């Protein structure tokens, strides 16, 4: 245990300023999201761009691709927020059988495709990315998060389960790659995910009760 703590402290001491800024921006994004503030998007975009740079440096290509997806969704969310602000949101619901089929397809087919890419390396534009040394793990973290983000976009309660499944596997991966602050950030996001799951169930039950009473 002492050796583990010593290793952790050494990793934190070696943390770069870019990683500190990236994590600070990501935490700010979550806190701003909780108070429904539009500034969550620009802070999230800064944190994501820096995160992509850091993840590429440690050859976590799957998580880098995942963050590219987050980046695109952040720009879309910012635009959608400004355009649709004030309109009623999509109702929170449980996933249907069809949506579960899609969710599992995204998770496992995406896992297989990403593993094949990461295991052999790839070339993008002028950049050559060598094979990952953790292709199975990295691919699963990304594919399960993609599935969770798809459910989140459709306002499905189970999105928190998929996102937290991704977080559980991401934490040891990030510490292994000497990104301790990202590891702690992911633990923080896991806790937020648990709260989100509970809160969404409460909202769903409340809305369902209101509909039954109105009938």
N, C-alpha and C. Protein backbone atom coordinates (compact mmCIF):
# COMPACT_ATOMS: atom_id res chain seq x y z
N UNK A 1 0.83 -1.20 0.00
CA UNK A 1 0.00 0.00 0.00
C UNK A 1 0.87 1.26 0.00
N UNK A 2 1.94 1.21 0.80
CA UNK A 2 2.86 2.34 0.86
C UNK A 2 3.51 2.58 -0.50
N UNK A 3 3.90 1.49 -1.18
CA UNK A 3 4.52 1.62 -2.50
C UNK A 3 3.54 2.20 -3.51
N UNK A 4 2.28 1.78 -3.39
CA UNK A 4 1.25 2.29 -4.30
C UNK A 4 1.05 3.80 -4.12
N UNK A 5 1.00 4.23 -2.85
CA UNK A 5 0.84 5.66 -2.57
C UNK A 5 2.05 6.45 -3.04
N UNK A 6 3.22 5.87 -2.85
CA UNK A 6 4.45 6.54 -3.29
C UNK A 6 4.47 6.70 -4.80
N UNK A 7 4.05 5.64 -5.52
CA UNK A 7 3.99 5.70 -6.98
C UNK A 7 2.98 6.75 -7.43
N UNK A 8 1.85 6.82 -6.72
CA UNK A 8 0.81 7.79 -7.05
C UNK A 8 1.32 9.22 -6.87
N UNK A 9 2.03 9.47 -5.77
CA UNK A 9 2.57 10.80 -5.50
C UNK A 9 3.61 11.19 -6.55
N UNK A 10 4.40 10.21 -6.98
CA UNK A 10 5.40 10.48 -8.01
C UNK A 10 4.73 10.86 -9.32
N UNK A 11 3.61 10.17 -9.64
CA UNK A 11 2.88 10.49 -10.86
C UNK A 11 2.28 11.89 -10.80
N UNK A 12 1.73 12.25 -9.64
CA UNK A 12 1.12 13.57 -9.49
C UNK A 12 2.18 14.66 -9.62
N UNK A 13 3.35 14.44 -9.01
CA UNK A 13 4.44 15.41 -9.09
C UNK A 13 4.91 15.60 -10.53
N UNK A 14 4.80 14.52 -11.34
CA UNK A 14 5.25 14.58 -12.73
C UNK A 14 4.17 15.10 -13.67
N UNK A 15 3.00 15.41 -13.11
CA UNK A 15 1.89 15.89 -13.94
C UNK A 15 2.23 17.23 -14.58
N UNK A 16 1.94 17.35 -15.86
CA UNK A 16 2.28 18.56 -16.61
C UNK A 16 1.22 19.65 -16.40
N UNK A 17 1.59 20.92 -16.62
CA UNK A 17 0.61 22.01 -16.52
C UNK A 17 -0.59 21.82 -17.45
N UNK A 18 -0.34 21.24 -18.64
CA UNK A 18 -1.43 21.02 -19.59
C UNK A 18 -2.48 20.08 -19.00
N UNK A 19 -2.02 19.02 -18.30
CA UNK A 19 -2.97 18.08 -17.69
C UNK A 19 -3.76 18.76 -16.58
N UNK A 20 -3.11 19.60 -15.78
CA UNK A 20 -3.82 20.34 -14.73
C UNK A 20 -4.92 21.22 -15.33
N UNK A 21 -4.58 21.92 -16.41
CA UNK A 21 -5.56 22.81 -17.05
C UNK A 21 -6.71 22.00 -17.64
N UNK A 22 -6.37 20.88 -18.30
CA UNK A 22 -7.39 20.05 -18.92
C UNK A 22 -8.38 19.52 -17.90
N UNK A 23 -7.86 19.06 -16.76
CA UNK A 23 -8.73 18.54 -15.71
C UNK A 23 -9.56 19.65 -15.08
N UNK A 24 -8.94 20.83 -14.86
CA UNK A 24 -9.66 21.96 -14.29
C UNK A 24 -10.82 22.38 -15.19
N UNK A 25 -10.59 22.40 -16.50
CA UNK A 25 -11.65 22.75 -17.44
C UNK A 25 -12.77 21.71 -17.44
N UNK A 26 -12.40 20.44 -17.32
CA UNK A 26 -13.40 19.37 -17.32
C UNK A 26 -14.25 19.41 -16.06
N UNK A 27 -13.63 19.69 -14.92
CA UNK A 27 -14.38 19.82 -13.66
C UNK A 27 -15.32 21.03 -13.75
N UNK A 28 -14.81 22.13 -14.29
CA UNK A 28 -15.64 23.33 -14.45
C UNK A 28 -16.84 23.04 -15.35
N UNK A 29 -16.63 22.25 -16.39
CA UNK A 29 -17.72 21.89 -17.29
C UNK A 29 -18.83 21.16 -16.55
N UNK A 30 -18.46 20.18 -15.72
CA UNK A 30 -19.45 19.41 -14.97
C UNK A 30 -20.21 20.29 -13.99
N UNK A 31 -19.49 21.17 -13.29
CA UNK A 31 -20.13 22.05 -12.31
C UNK A 31 -21.06 23.05 -12.99
N UNK A 32 -20.65 23.56 -14.15
CA UNK A 32 -21.50 24.49 -14.89
C UNK A 32 -22.73 23.78 -15.46
N UNK A 33 -22.56 22.49 -15.83
CA UNK A 33 -23.70 21.72 -16.32
C UNK A 33 -24.75 21.53 -15.23
N UNK A 34 -24.29 21.35 -14.00
CA UNK A 34 -25.23 21.14 -12.89
C UNK A 34 -26.09 22.37 -12.63
N UNK A 35 -25.55 23.57 -12.92
CA UNK A 35 -26.34 24.78 -12.70
C UNK A 35 -26.94 25.30 -14.01
N UNK A 36 -26.85 24.47 -15.06
CA UNK A 36 -27.50 24.78 -16.34
C UNK A 36 -26.95 26.06 -16.97
N UNK A 37 -25.62 26.23 -16.94
CA UNK A 37 -24.97 27.43 -17.47
C UNK A 37 -24.32 27.12 -18.81
N UNK A 38 -24.58 27.96 -19.82
CA UNK A 38 -24.10 27.72 -21.17
C UNK A 38 -22.58 27.72 -21.27
N UNK A 39 -21.89 28.31 -20.29
CA UNK A 39 -20.43 28.33 -20.32
C UNK A 39 -19.81 26.94 -20.15
N UNK A 40 -20.65 25.93 -19.87
CA UNK A 40 -20.14 24.57 -19.79
C UNK A 40 -19.52 24.14 -21.12
N UNK A 41 -20.05 24.67 -22.25
CA UNK A 41 -19.56 24.24 -23.56
C UNK A 41 -18.16 24.77 -23.89
N UNK A 42 -17.90 26.08 -23.78
CA UNK A 42 -16.52 26.53 -24.08
C UNK A 42 -15.48 25.94 -23.14
N UNK A 43 -15.81 25.81 -21.84
CA UNK A 43 -14.84 25.20 -20.93
C UNK A 43 -14.61 23.74 -21.27
N UNK A 44 -15.70 23.04 -21.63
CA UNK A 44 -15.58 21.64 -22.02
C UNK A 44 -14.76 21.47 -23.28
N UNK A 45 -14.92 22.38 -24.22
CA UNK A 45 -14.17 22.31 -25.48
C UNK A 45 -12.67 22.47 -25.23
N UNK A 46 -12.31 23.42 -24.37
CA UNK A 46 -10.88 23.61 -24.03
C UNK A 46 -10.32 22.35 -23.38
N UNK A 47 -11.06 21.81 -22.40
CA UNK A 47 -10.61 20.61 -21.70
C UNK A 47 -10.48 19.42 -22.64
N UNK A 48 -11.41 19.29 -23.58
CA UNK A 48 -11.40 18.15 -24.50
C UNK A 48 -10.23 18.24 -25.48
N UNK A 49 -9.98 19.43 -26.02
CA UNK A 49 -8.85 19.60 -26.95
C UNK A 49 -7.53 19.25 -26.28
N UNK A 50 -7.35 19.74 -25.06
CA UNK A 50 -6.12 19.42 -24.32
C UNK A 50 -6.07 17.93 -23.99
N UNK A 51 -7.22 17.34 -23.68
CA UNK A 51 -7.28 15.92 -23.38
C UNK A 51 -6.89 15.07 -24.58
N UNK A 52 -7.32 15.44 -25.77
CA UNK A 52 -6.96 14.70 -26.98
C UNK A 52 -5.45 14.71 -27.17
N UNK A 53 -4.85 15.89 -26.97
CA UNK A 53 -3.39 16.01 -27.11
C UNK A 53 -2.67 15.08 -26.12
N UNK A 54 -3.11 15.07 -24.87
CA UNK A 54 -2.47 14.25 -23.83
C UNK A 54 -2.67 12.77 -24.09
N UNK A 55 -3.87 12.37 -24.50
CA UNK A 55 -4.16 10.96 -24.74
C UNK A 55 -3.40 10.43 -25.95
N UNK A 56 -3.23 11.25 -26.97
CA UNK A 56 -2.43 10.83 -28.12
C UNK A 56 -0.98 10.61 -27.73
N UNK A 57 -0.49 11.44 -26.82
CA UNK A 57 0.91 11.32 -26.39
C UNK A 57 1.20 10.00 -25.68
N UNK A 58 0.17 9.42 -25.02
CA UNK A 58 0.38 8.14 -24.32
C UNK A 58 -0.23 6.98 -25.11
N UNK A 59 -0.56 7.22 -26.38
CA UNK A 59 -1.05 6.20 -27.31
C UNK A 59 -2.38 5.58 -26.91
N UNK A 60 -3.23 6.35 -26.25
CA UNK A 60 -4.60 5.90 -25.97
C UNK A 60 -5.48 6.42 -27.11
N UNK A 61 -5.39 5.75 -28.24
CA UNK A 61 -6.06 6.25 -29.45
C UNK A 61 -7.57 6.12 -29.36
N UNK A 62 -8.05 5.04 -28.72
CA UNK A 62 -9.48 4.87 -28.57
C UNK A 62 -10.10 6.00 -27.78
N UNK A 63 -9.47 6.34 -26.66
CA UNK A 63 -9.98 7.44 -25.84
C UNK A 63 -9.82 8.78 -26.56
N UNK A 64 -8.80 8.89 -27.39
CA UNK A 64 -8.63 10.11 -28.19
C UNK A 64 -9.78 10.28 -29.16
N UNK A 65 -10.16 9.18 -29.83
CA UNK A 65 -11.29 9.22 -30.75
C UNK A 65 -12.58 9.54 -30.01
N UNK A 66 -12.70 8.99 -28.81
CA UNK A 66 -13.87 9.27 -27.98
C UNK A 66 -13.95 10.76 -27.67
N UNK A 67 -12.81 11.37 -27.37
CA UNK A 67 -12.79 12.79 -27.06
C UNK A 67 -13.05 13.65 -28.29
N UNK A 68 -12.68 13.16 -29.47
CA UNK A 68 -13.04 13.87 -30.70
C UNK A 68 -14.55 13.90 -30.83
N UNK A 69 -15.19 12.77 -30.51
CA UNK A 69 -16.66 12.70 -30.53
C UNK A 69 -17.25 13.69 -29.53
N UNK A 70 -16.68 13.73 -28.31
CA UNK A 70 -17.14 14.69 -27.31
C UNK A 70 -16.99 16.12 -27.82
N UNK A 71 -15.89 16.39 -28.52
CA UNK A 71 -15.64 17.73 -29.04
C UNK A 71 -16.72 18.14 -30.04
N UNK A 72 -17.02 17.24 -30.96
CA UNK A 72 -18.06 17.52 -31.96
C UNK A 72 -19.41 17.75 -31.28
N UNK A 73 -19.73 16.89 -30.30
CA UNK A 73 -21.00 17.01 -29.59
C UNK A 73 -21.06 18.30 -28.76
N UNK A 74 -19.91 18.77 -28.28
CA UNK A 74 -19.88 20.01 -27.52
C UNK A 74 -20.23 21.20 -28.41
N UNK A 75 -19.65 21.24 -29.62
CA UNK A 75 -19.99 22.31 -30.56
C UNK A 75 -21.47 22.24 -30.95
N UNK A 76 -21.94 21.00 -31.18
CA UNK A 76 -23.35 20.83 -31.53
C UNK A 76 -24.24 21.26 -30.37
N UNK A 77 -23.87 20.85 -29.15
CA UNK A 77 -24.66 21.20 -27.98
C UNK A 77 -24.71 22.70 -27.75
N UNK A 78 -23.59 23.37 -27.97
CA UNK A 78 -23.51 24.83 -27.81
C UNK A 78 -24.45 25.51 -28.81
N UNK A 79 -24.38 25.05 -30.06
CA UNK A 79 -25.26 25.61 -31.10
C UNK A 79 -26.73 25.32 -30.77
N UNK A 80 -27.02 24.08 -30.38
CA UNK A 80 -28.39 23.67 -30.10
C UNK A 80 -28.94 24.43 -28.91
N UNK A 81 -28.09 24.66 -27.89
CA UNK A 81 -28.48 25.40 -26.69
C UNK A 81 -28.94 26.81 -27.09
N UNK A 82 -28.09 27.49 -27.88
CA UNK A 82 -28.39 28.87 -28.26
C UNK A 82 -29.62 28.96 -29.17
N UNK A 83 -29.84 27.94 -29.98
CA UNK A 83 -30.95 27.95 -30.92
C UNK A 83 -32.27 27.53 -30.28
N UNK A 84 -32.21 26.53 -29.37
CA UNK A 84 -33.43 25.93 -28.82
C UNK A 84 -33.68 26.26 -27.36
N UNK A 85 -32.90 27.14 -26.78
CA UNK A 85 -33.07 27.46 -25.36
C UNK A 85 -34.49 27.96 -25.09
N UNK A 86 -35.10 27.44 -24.06
CA UNK A 86 -36.46 27.85 -23.69
C UNK A 86 -37.52 26.86 -24.13
N UNK A 87 -37.16 25.94 -25.06
CA UNK A 87 -38.11 24.92 -25.48
C UNK A 87 -38.09 23.75 -24.51
N UNK A 88 -39.21 23.01 -24.38
CA UNK A 88 -39.26 21.88 -23.44
C UNK A 88 -38.32 20.76 -23.87
N UNK A 89 -37.58 20.14 -22.93
CA UNK A 89 -36.66 19.06 -23.27
C UNK A 89 -37.38 17.76 -23.59
N UNK A 90 -36.66 16.85 -24.23
CA UNK A 90 -37.19 15.51 -24.48
C UNK A 90 -37.38 14.81 -23.13
N UNK A 91 -38.48 14.07 -23.01
CA UNK A 91 -38.78 13.39 -21.76
C UNK A 91 -37.76 12.28 -21.45
N UNK A 92 -37.46 12.11 -20.18
CA UNK A 92 -36.60 11.02 -19.72
C UNK A 92 -37.42 9.73 -19.68
N UNK A 93 -36.88 8.66 -20.30
CA UNK A 93 -37.57 7.37 -20.32
C UNK A 93 -36.56 6.23 -20.19
N UNK A 94 -37.09 5.02 -19.94
CA UNK A 94 -36.27 3.81 -19.99
C UNK A 94 -36.13 3.37 -21.44
N UNK A 95 -35.08 2.63 -21.74
CA UNK A 95 -34.84 2.16 -23.11
C UNK A 95 -35.80 1.04 -23.48
N UNK A 96 -36.18 1.03 -24.75
CA UNK A 96 -37.00 -0.06 -25.28
C UNK A 96 -36.10 -1.23 -25.66
N UNK A 97 -36.71 -2.36 -26.03
CA UNK A 97 -35.92 -3.52 -26.46
C UNK A 97 -35.09 -3.18 -27.70
N UNK A 98 -35.69 -2.46 -28.63
CA UNK A 98 -34.97 -2.06 -29.85
C UNK A 98 -33.77 -1.19 -29.52
N UNK A 99 -33.96 -0.26 -28.60
CA UNK A 99 -32.85 0.63 -28.21
C UNK A 99 -31.75 -0.13 -27.50
N UNK A 100 -32.11 -1.17 -26.76
CA UNK A 100 -31.08 -2.01 -26.14
C UNK A 100 -30.28 -2.79 -27.19
N UNK A 101 -30.96 -3.22 -28.25
CA UNK A 101 -30.26 -3.91 -29.34
C UNK A 101 -29.25 -2.97 -29.98
N UNK A 102 -29.67 -1.74 -30.23
CA UNK A 102 -28.76 -0.74 -30.81
C UNK A 102 -27.60 -0.46 -29.85
N UNK A 103 -27.91 -0.32 -28.57
CA UNK A 103 -26.89 -0.03 -27.55
C UNK A 103 -25.83 -1.13 -27.50
N UNK A 104 -26.28 -2.38 -27.46
CA UNK A 104 -25.34 -3.50 -27.40
C UNK A 104 -24.56 -3.64 -28.71
N UNK A 105 -25.20 -3.30 -29.82
CA UNK A 105 -24.50 -3.35 -31.11
C UNK A 105 -23.38 -2.32 -31.16
N UNK A 106 -23.69 -1.10 -30.71
CA UNK A 106 -22.65 -0.05 -30.67
C UNK A 106 -21.50 -0.49 -29.78
N UNK A 107 -21.84 -1.08 -28.64
CA UNK A 107 -20.80 -1.49 -27.68
C UNK A 107 -19.90 -2.57 -28.25
N UNK A 108 -20.47 -3.68 -28.73
CA UNK A 108 -19.66 -4.83 -29.09
C UNK A 108 -19.12 -4.78 -30.52
N UNK A 109 -19.92 -4.26 -31.47
CA UNK A 109 -19.39 -4.10 -32.82
C UNK A 109 -18.33 -3.00 -32.84
N UNK A 110 -18.62 -1.90 -32.12
CA UNK A 110 -17.63 -0.83 -32.01
C UNK A 110 -16.36 -1.30 -31.34
N UNK A 111 -16.51 -2.15 -30.32
CA UNK A 111 -15.36 -2.72 -29.61
C UNK A 111 -14.48 -3.52 -30.59
N UNK A 112 -15.11 -4.38 -31.39
CA UNK A 112 -14.37 -5.22 -32.33
C UNK A 112 -13.65 -4.38 -33.38
N UNK A 113 -14.35 -3.38 -33.92
CA UNK A 113 -13.75 -2.53 -34.97
C UNK A 113 -12.59 -1.72 -34.41
N UNK A 114 -12.81 -1.11 -33.25
CA UNK A 114 -11.75 -0.32 -32.64
C UNK A 114 -10.54 -1.18 -32.27
N UNK A 115 -10.81 -2.38 -31.75
CA UNK A 115 -9.71 -3.29 -31.40
C UNK A 115 -8.86 -3.60 -32.63
N UNK A 116 -9.52 -3.89 -33.76
CA UNK A 116 -8.79 -4.22 -34.98
C UNK A 116 -7.92 -3.05 -35.43
N UNK A 117 -8.46 -1.84 -35.31
CA UNK A 117 -7.70 -0.65 -35.71
C UNK A 117 -6.53 -0.39 -34.76
N UNK A 118 -6.81 -0.43 -33.46
CA UNK A 118 -5.78 -0.11 -32.47
C UNK A 118 -4.71 -1.18 -32.39
N UNK A 119 -5.09 -2.42 -32.67
CA UNK A 119 -4.13 -3.52 -32.56
C UNK A 119 -3.10 -3.49 -33.69
N UNK A 120 -3.45 -2.91 -34.82
CA UNK A 120 -2.54 -2.88 -35.97
C UNK A 120 -1.97 -1.49 -36.25
N UNK A 121 -2.49 -0.47 -35.55
CA UNK A 121 -2.04 0.88 -35.83
C UNK A 121 -2.74 1.42 -37.07
N UNK A 122 -2.60 2.70 -37.31
CA UNK A 122 -3.27 3.29 -38.46
C UNK A 122 -2.58 4.59 -38.87
N UNK A 123 -2.90 5.01 -40.09
CA UNK A 123 -2.35 6.26 -40.62
C UNK A 123 -3.51 7.21 -40.84
N UNK A 124 -3.37 8.41 -40.33
CA UNK A 124 -4.40 9.43 -40.52
C UNK A 124 -3.74 10.68 -41.09
N UNK A 125 -4.12 11.02 -42.30
CA UNK A 125 -3.52 12.14 -43.01
C UNK A 125 -2.02 11.93 -43.11
N UNK A 126 -1.21 12.80 -42.47
CA UNK A 126 0.24 12.64 -42.52
C UNK A 126 0.80 12.00 -41.26
N UNK A 127 -0.09 11.57 -40.37
CA UNK A 127 0.37 11.06 -39.08
C UNK A 127 0.25 9.54 -39.04
N UNK A 128 1.31 8.90 -38.55
CA UNK A 128 1.34 7.45 -38.43
C UNK A 128 1.22 7.07 -36.95
N UNK A 129 0.15 6.36 -36.59
CA UNK A 129 -0.09 5.97 -35.21
C UNK A 129 0.25 4.49 -35.04
N UNK A 130 1.26 4.18 -34.22
CA UNK A 130 1.67 2.78 -34.03
C UNK A 130 0.61 1.99 -33.26
N UNK A 131 0.70 0.66 -33.25
CA UNK A 131 -0.27 -0.16 -32.51
C UNK A 131 -0.29 0.19 -31.03
N UNK A 132 -1.47 0.10 -30.43
CA UNK A 132 -1.62 0.34 -28.99
C UNK A 132 -1.14 -0.88 -28.21
N UNK A 133 -0.61 -0.67 -27.00
CA UNK A 133 -0.22 -1.79 -26.16
C UNK A 133 -1.36 -2.23 -25.24
N UNK A 134 -2.52 -1.53 -25.34
CA UNK A 134 -3.71 -1.93 -24.57
C UNK A 134 -4.95 -1.83 -25.47
N UNK A 135 -4.93 -2.48 -26.63
CA UNK A 135 -6.01 -2.28 -27.60
C UNK A 135 -7.38 -2.76 -27.13
N UNK A 136 -7.44 -3.91 -26.45
CA UNK A 136 -8.73 -4.45 -26.01
C UNK A 136 -9.37 -3.52 -24.99
N UNK A 137 -8.58 -3.10 -24.01
CA UNK A 137 -9.07 -2.26 -22.92
C UNK A 137 -9.48 -0.87 -23.45
N UNK A 138 -8.61 -0.28 -24.23
CA UNK A 138 -8.85 1.06 -24.77
C UNK A 138 -10.10 1.05 -25.66
N UNK A 139 -10.23 0.02 -26.48
CA UNK A 139 -11.38 -0.07 -27.38
C UNK A 139 -12.69 -0.21 -26.62
N UNK A 140 -12.69 -0.99 -25.54
CA UNK A 140 -13.93 -1.19 -24.78
C UNK A 140 -14.35 0.09 -24.06
N UNK A 141 -13.39 0.80 -23.49
CA UNK A 141 -13.71 2.07 -22.82
C UNK A 141 -14.42 3.00 -23.79
N UNK A 142 -13.93 3.06 -25.02
CA UNK A 142 -14.49 3.97 -26.00
C UNK A 142 -15.85 3.50 -26.52
N UNK A 143 -15.97 2.22 -26.86
CA UNK A 143 -17.23 1.73 -27.44
C UNK A 143 -18.38 1.79 -26.44
N UNK A 144 -18.12 1.47 -25.17
CA UNK A 144 -19.18 1.54 -24.16
C UNK A 144 -19.57 2.99 -23.89
N UNK A 145 -18.61 3.91 -23.97
CA UNK A 145 -18.93 5.33 -23.79
C UNK A 145 -19.74 5.85 -24.98
N UNK A 146 -19.40 5.40 -26.20
CA UNK A 146 -20.19 5.79 -27.37
C UNK A 146 -21.64 5.37 -27.21
N UNK A 147 -21.84 4.13 -26.73
CA UNK A 147 -23.21 3.64 -26.52
C UNK A 147 -23.92 4.48 -25.46
N UNK A 148 -23.19 4.84 -24.40
CA UNK A 148 -23.77 5.67 -23.35
C UNK A 148 -24.15 7.05 -23.86
N UNK A 149 -23.31 7.63 -24.72
CA UNK A 149 -23.61 8.95 -25.26
C UNK A 149 -24.82 8.90 -26.20
N UNK A 150 -24.97 7.78 -26.92
CA UNK A 150 -26.15 7.63 -27.78
C UNK A 150 -27.42 7.60 -26.93
N UNK A 151 -27.38 6.87 -25.82
CA UNK A 151 -28.54 6.82 -24.92
C UNK A 151 -28.79 8.17 -24.26
N UNK A 152 -27.70 8.89 -23.94
CA UNK A 152 -27.85 10.21 -23.33
C UNK A 152 -28.55 11.17 -24.29
N UNK A 153 -28.18 11.12 -25.57
CA UNK A 153 -28.79 11.99 -26.57
C UNK A 153 -30.29 11.72 -26.69
N UNK A 154 -30.69 10.46 -26.42
CA UNK A 154 -32.10 10.09 -26.50
C UNK A 154 -32.80 10.17 -25.15
N UNK A 155 -32.08 10.71 -24.15
CA UNK A 155 -32.63 10.92 -22.80
C UNK A 155 -33.09 9.62 -22.17
N UNK A 156 -32.28 8.57 -22.30
CA UNK A 156 -32.59 7.28 -21.72
C UNK A 156 -31.84 7.11 -20.39
N UNK A 157 -32.54 6.62 -19.39
CA UNK A 157 -31.96 6.50 -18.05
C UNK A 157 -30.71 5.63 -18.04
N UNK A 158 -30.69 4.59 -18.87
CA UNK A 158 -29.56 3.64 -18.85
C UNK A 158 -28.26 4.24 -19.35
N UNK A 159 -28.30 5.48 -19.86
CA UNK A 159 -27.05 6.09 -20.34
C UNK A 159 -26.02 6.14 -19.22
N UNK A 160 -26.49 6.39 -17.99
CA UNK A 160 -25.57 6.47 -16.85
C UNK A 160 -24.88 5.14 -16.59
N UNK A 161 -25.59 4.04 -16.82
CA UNK A 161 -25.01 2.71 -16.61
C UNK A 161 -23.88 2.46 -17.60
N UNK A 162 -24.11 2.80 -18.87
CA UNK A 162 -23.07 2.57 -19.89
C UNK A 162 -21.89 3.50 -19.69
N UNK A 163 -22.16 4.77 -19.37
CA UNK A 163 -21.06 5.72 -19.16
C UNK A 163 -20.23 5.33 -17.95
N UNK A 164 -20.89 4.84 -16.90
CA UNK A 164 -20.13 4.45 -15.71
C UNK A 164 -19.41 3.13 -15.91
N UNK A 165 -19.95 2.25 -16.77
CA UNK A 165 -19.21 1.04 -17.12
C UNK A 165 -17.91 1.43 -17.81
N UNK A 166 -17.98 2.41 -18.70
CA UNK A 166 -16.78 2.92 -19.35
C UNK A 166 -15.82 3.53 -18.33
N UNK A 167 -16.37 4.29 -17.38
CA UNK A 167 -15.52 4.92 -16.36
C UNK A 167 -14.78 3.90 -15.50
N UNK A 168 -15.46 2.80 -15.15
CA UNK A 168 -14.85 1.76 -14.31
C UNK A 168 -13.60 1.20 -14.99
N UNK A 169 -13.68 0.97 -16.29
CA UNK A 169 -12.53 0.42 -17.01
C UNK A 169 -11.50 1.50 -17.34
N UNK A 170 -11.94 2.75 -17.42
CA UNK A 170 -11.01 3.83 -17.78
C UNK A 170 -10.06 4.19 -16.65
N UNK A 171 -10.53 4.11 -15.40
CA UNK A 171 -9.71 4.55 -14.26
C UNK A 171 -8.36 3.82 -14.19
N UNK A 172 -8.32 2.48 -14.12
CA UNK A 172 -7.01 1.81 -14.06
C UNK A 172 -6.17 2.04 -15.32
N UNK A 173 -6.84 2.18 -16.45
CA UNK A 173 -6.13 2.43 -17.70
C UNK A 173 -5.39 3.77 -17.65
N UNK A 174 -6.03 4.78 -17.12
CA UNK A 174 -5.42 6.11 -17.05
C UNK A 174 -4.26 6.15 -16.05
N UNK A 175 -4.41 5.45 -14.92
CA UNK A 175 -3.29 5.39 -13.97
C UNK A 175 -2.12 4.60 -14.56
N UNK A 176 -2.44 3.55 -15.31
CA UNK A 176 -1.40 2.75 -15.97
C UNK A 176 -0.61 3.61 -16.96
N UNK A 177 -1.30 4.54 -17.62
CA UNK A 177 -0.66 5.40 -18.59
C UNK A 177 -0.09 6.68 -17.96
N UNK A 178 -0.01 6.71 -16.63
CA UNK A 178 0.59 7.83 -15.89
C UNK A 178 -0.16 9.14 -16.13
N UNK A 179 -1.49 9.07 -16.10
CA UNK A 179 -2.34 10.25 -16.15
C UNK A 179 -3.22 10.26 -14.90
N UNK A 180 -2.61 10.45 -13.71
CA UNK A 180 -3.36 10.31 -12.46
C UNK A 180 -4.50 11.32 -12.31
N UNK A 181 -4.29 12.55 -12.77
CA UNK A 181 -5.37 13.54 -12.64
C UNK A 181 -6.58 13.14 -13.48
N UNK A 182 -6.33 12.61 -14.66
CA UNK A 182 -7.43 12.11 -15.49
C UNK A 182 -8.12 10.94 -14.81
N UNK A 183 -7.32 10.13 -14.09
CA UNK A 183 -7.89 9.01 -13.34
C UNK A 183 -8.82 9.49 -12.25
N UNK A 184 -8.37 10.50 -11.48
CA UNK A 184 -9.21 11.06 -10.41
C UNK A 184 -10.44 11.77 -11.00
N UNK A 185 -10.25 12.42 -12.14
CA UNK A 185 -11.39 13.07 -12.81
C UNK A 185 -12.44 12.02 -13.19
N UNK A 186 -11.99 10.88 -13.67
CA UNK A 186 -12.92 9.82 -14.06
C UNK A 186 -13.65 9.24 -12.85
N UNK A 187 -12.96 9.13 -11.72
CA UNK A 187 -13.62 8.70 -10.48
C UNK A 187 -14.69 9.71 -10.09
N UNK A 188 -14.37 10.99 -10.22
CA UNK A 188 -15.34 12.06 -9.94
C UNK A 188 -16.55 11.94 -10.86
N UNK A 189 -16.30 11.67 -12.15
CA UNK A 189 -17.39 11.51 -13.11
C UNK A 189 -18.22 10.28 -12.81
N UNK A 190 -17.58 9.25 -12.26
CA UNK A 190 -18.33 8.05 -11.86
C UNK A 190 -19.33 8.39 -10.76
N UNK A 191 -18.88 9.16 -9.78
CA UNK A 191 -19.78 9.57 -8.69
C UNK A 191 -20.93 10.41 -9.23
N UNK A 192 -20.61 11.35 -10.13
CA UNK A 192 -21.65 12.16 -10.76
C UNK A 192 -22.62 11.27 -11.52
N UNK A 193 -22.10 10.22 -12.17
CA UNK A 193 -22.93 9.29 -12.91
C UNK A 193 -23.92 8.54 -12.02
N UNK A 194 -23.47 8.16 -10.82
CA UNK A 194 -24.36 7.50 -9.87
C UNK A 194 -25.48 8.44 -9.45
N UNK A 195 -25.12 9.69 -9.14
CA UNK A 195 -26.14 10.69 -8.78
C UNK A 195 -27.10 10.93 -9.94
N UNK A 196 -26.54 11.00 -11.15
CA UNK A 196 -27.37 11.24 -12.32
C UNK A 196 -28.38 10.13 -12.53
N UNK A 197 -27.95 8.89 -12.36
CA UNK A 197 -28.84 7.73 -12.51
C UNK A 197 -29.99 7.81 -11.50
N UNK A 198 -29.67 8.12 -10.27
CA UNK A 198 -30.70 8.21 -9.23
C UNK A 198 -31.64 9.38 -9.50
N UNK A 199 -31.07 10.53 -9.87
CA UNK A 199 -31.89 11.72 -10.13
C UNK A 199 -32.83 11.51 -11.31
N UNK A 200 -32.34 10.86 -12.37
CA UNK A 200 -33.18 10.64 -13.55
C UNK A 200 -34.34 9.68 -13.24
N UNK A 201 -34.09 8.69 -12.41
CA UNK A 201 -35.17 7.79 -12.01
C UNK A 201 -36.24 8.57 -11.24
N UNK A 202 -35.79 9.46 -10.36
CA UNK A 202 -36.73 10.28 -9.59
C UNK A 202 -37.56 11.17 -10.53
N UNK A 203 -36.89 11.78 -11.51
CA UNK A 203 -37.58 12.65 -12.46
C UNK A 203 -38.60 11.84 -13.27
N UNK A 204 -38.18 10.66 -13.71
CA UNK A 204 -39.07 9.80 -14.50
C UNK A 204 -40.30 9.41 -13.68
N UNK A 205 -40.09 8.99 -12.44
CA UNK A 205 -41.21 8.58 -11.59
C UNK A 205 -42.15 9.75 -11.28
N UNK A 206 -41.56 10.93 -11.08
CA UNK A 206 -42.36 12.12 -10.80
C UNK A 206 -43.23 12.49 -12.00
N UNK A 207 -42.61 12.46 -13.20
CA UNK A 207 -43.36 12.79 -14.41
C UNK A 207 -44.44 11.75 -14.69
N UNK A 208 -44.13 10.49 -14.42
CA UNK A 208 -45.10 9.43 -14.63
C UNK A 208 -46.28 9.57 -13.68
N UNK A 209 -45.98 9.95 -12.44
CA UNK A 209 -47.05 10.14 -11.45
C UNK A 209 -47.94 11.33 -11.85
N UNK A 210 -47.31 12.39 -12.38
CA UNK A 210 -48.07 13.56 -12.81
C UNK A 210 -49.02 13.22 -13.94
N UNK A 211 -48.57 12.37 -14.87
CA UNK A 211 -49.42 11.98 -16.00
C UNK A 211 -50.59 11.15 -15.51
N UNK A 212 -50.32 10.23 -14.56
CA UNK A 212 -51.39 9.37 -14.02
C UNK A 212 -52.42 10.18 -13.25
N UNK A 213 -51.95 11.19 -12.51
CA UNK A 213 -52.87 12.03 -11.76
C UNK A 213 -53.72 12.90 -12.69
N UNK A 214 -53.09 13.36 -13.78
CA UNK A 214 -53.82 14.18 -14.74
C UNK A 214 -54.89 13.40 -15.47
N UNK A 215 -54.62 12.06 -15.64
CA UNK A 215 -55.60 11.22 -16.30
C UNK A 215 -56.78 10.93 -15.39
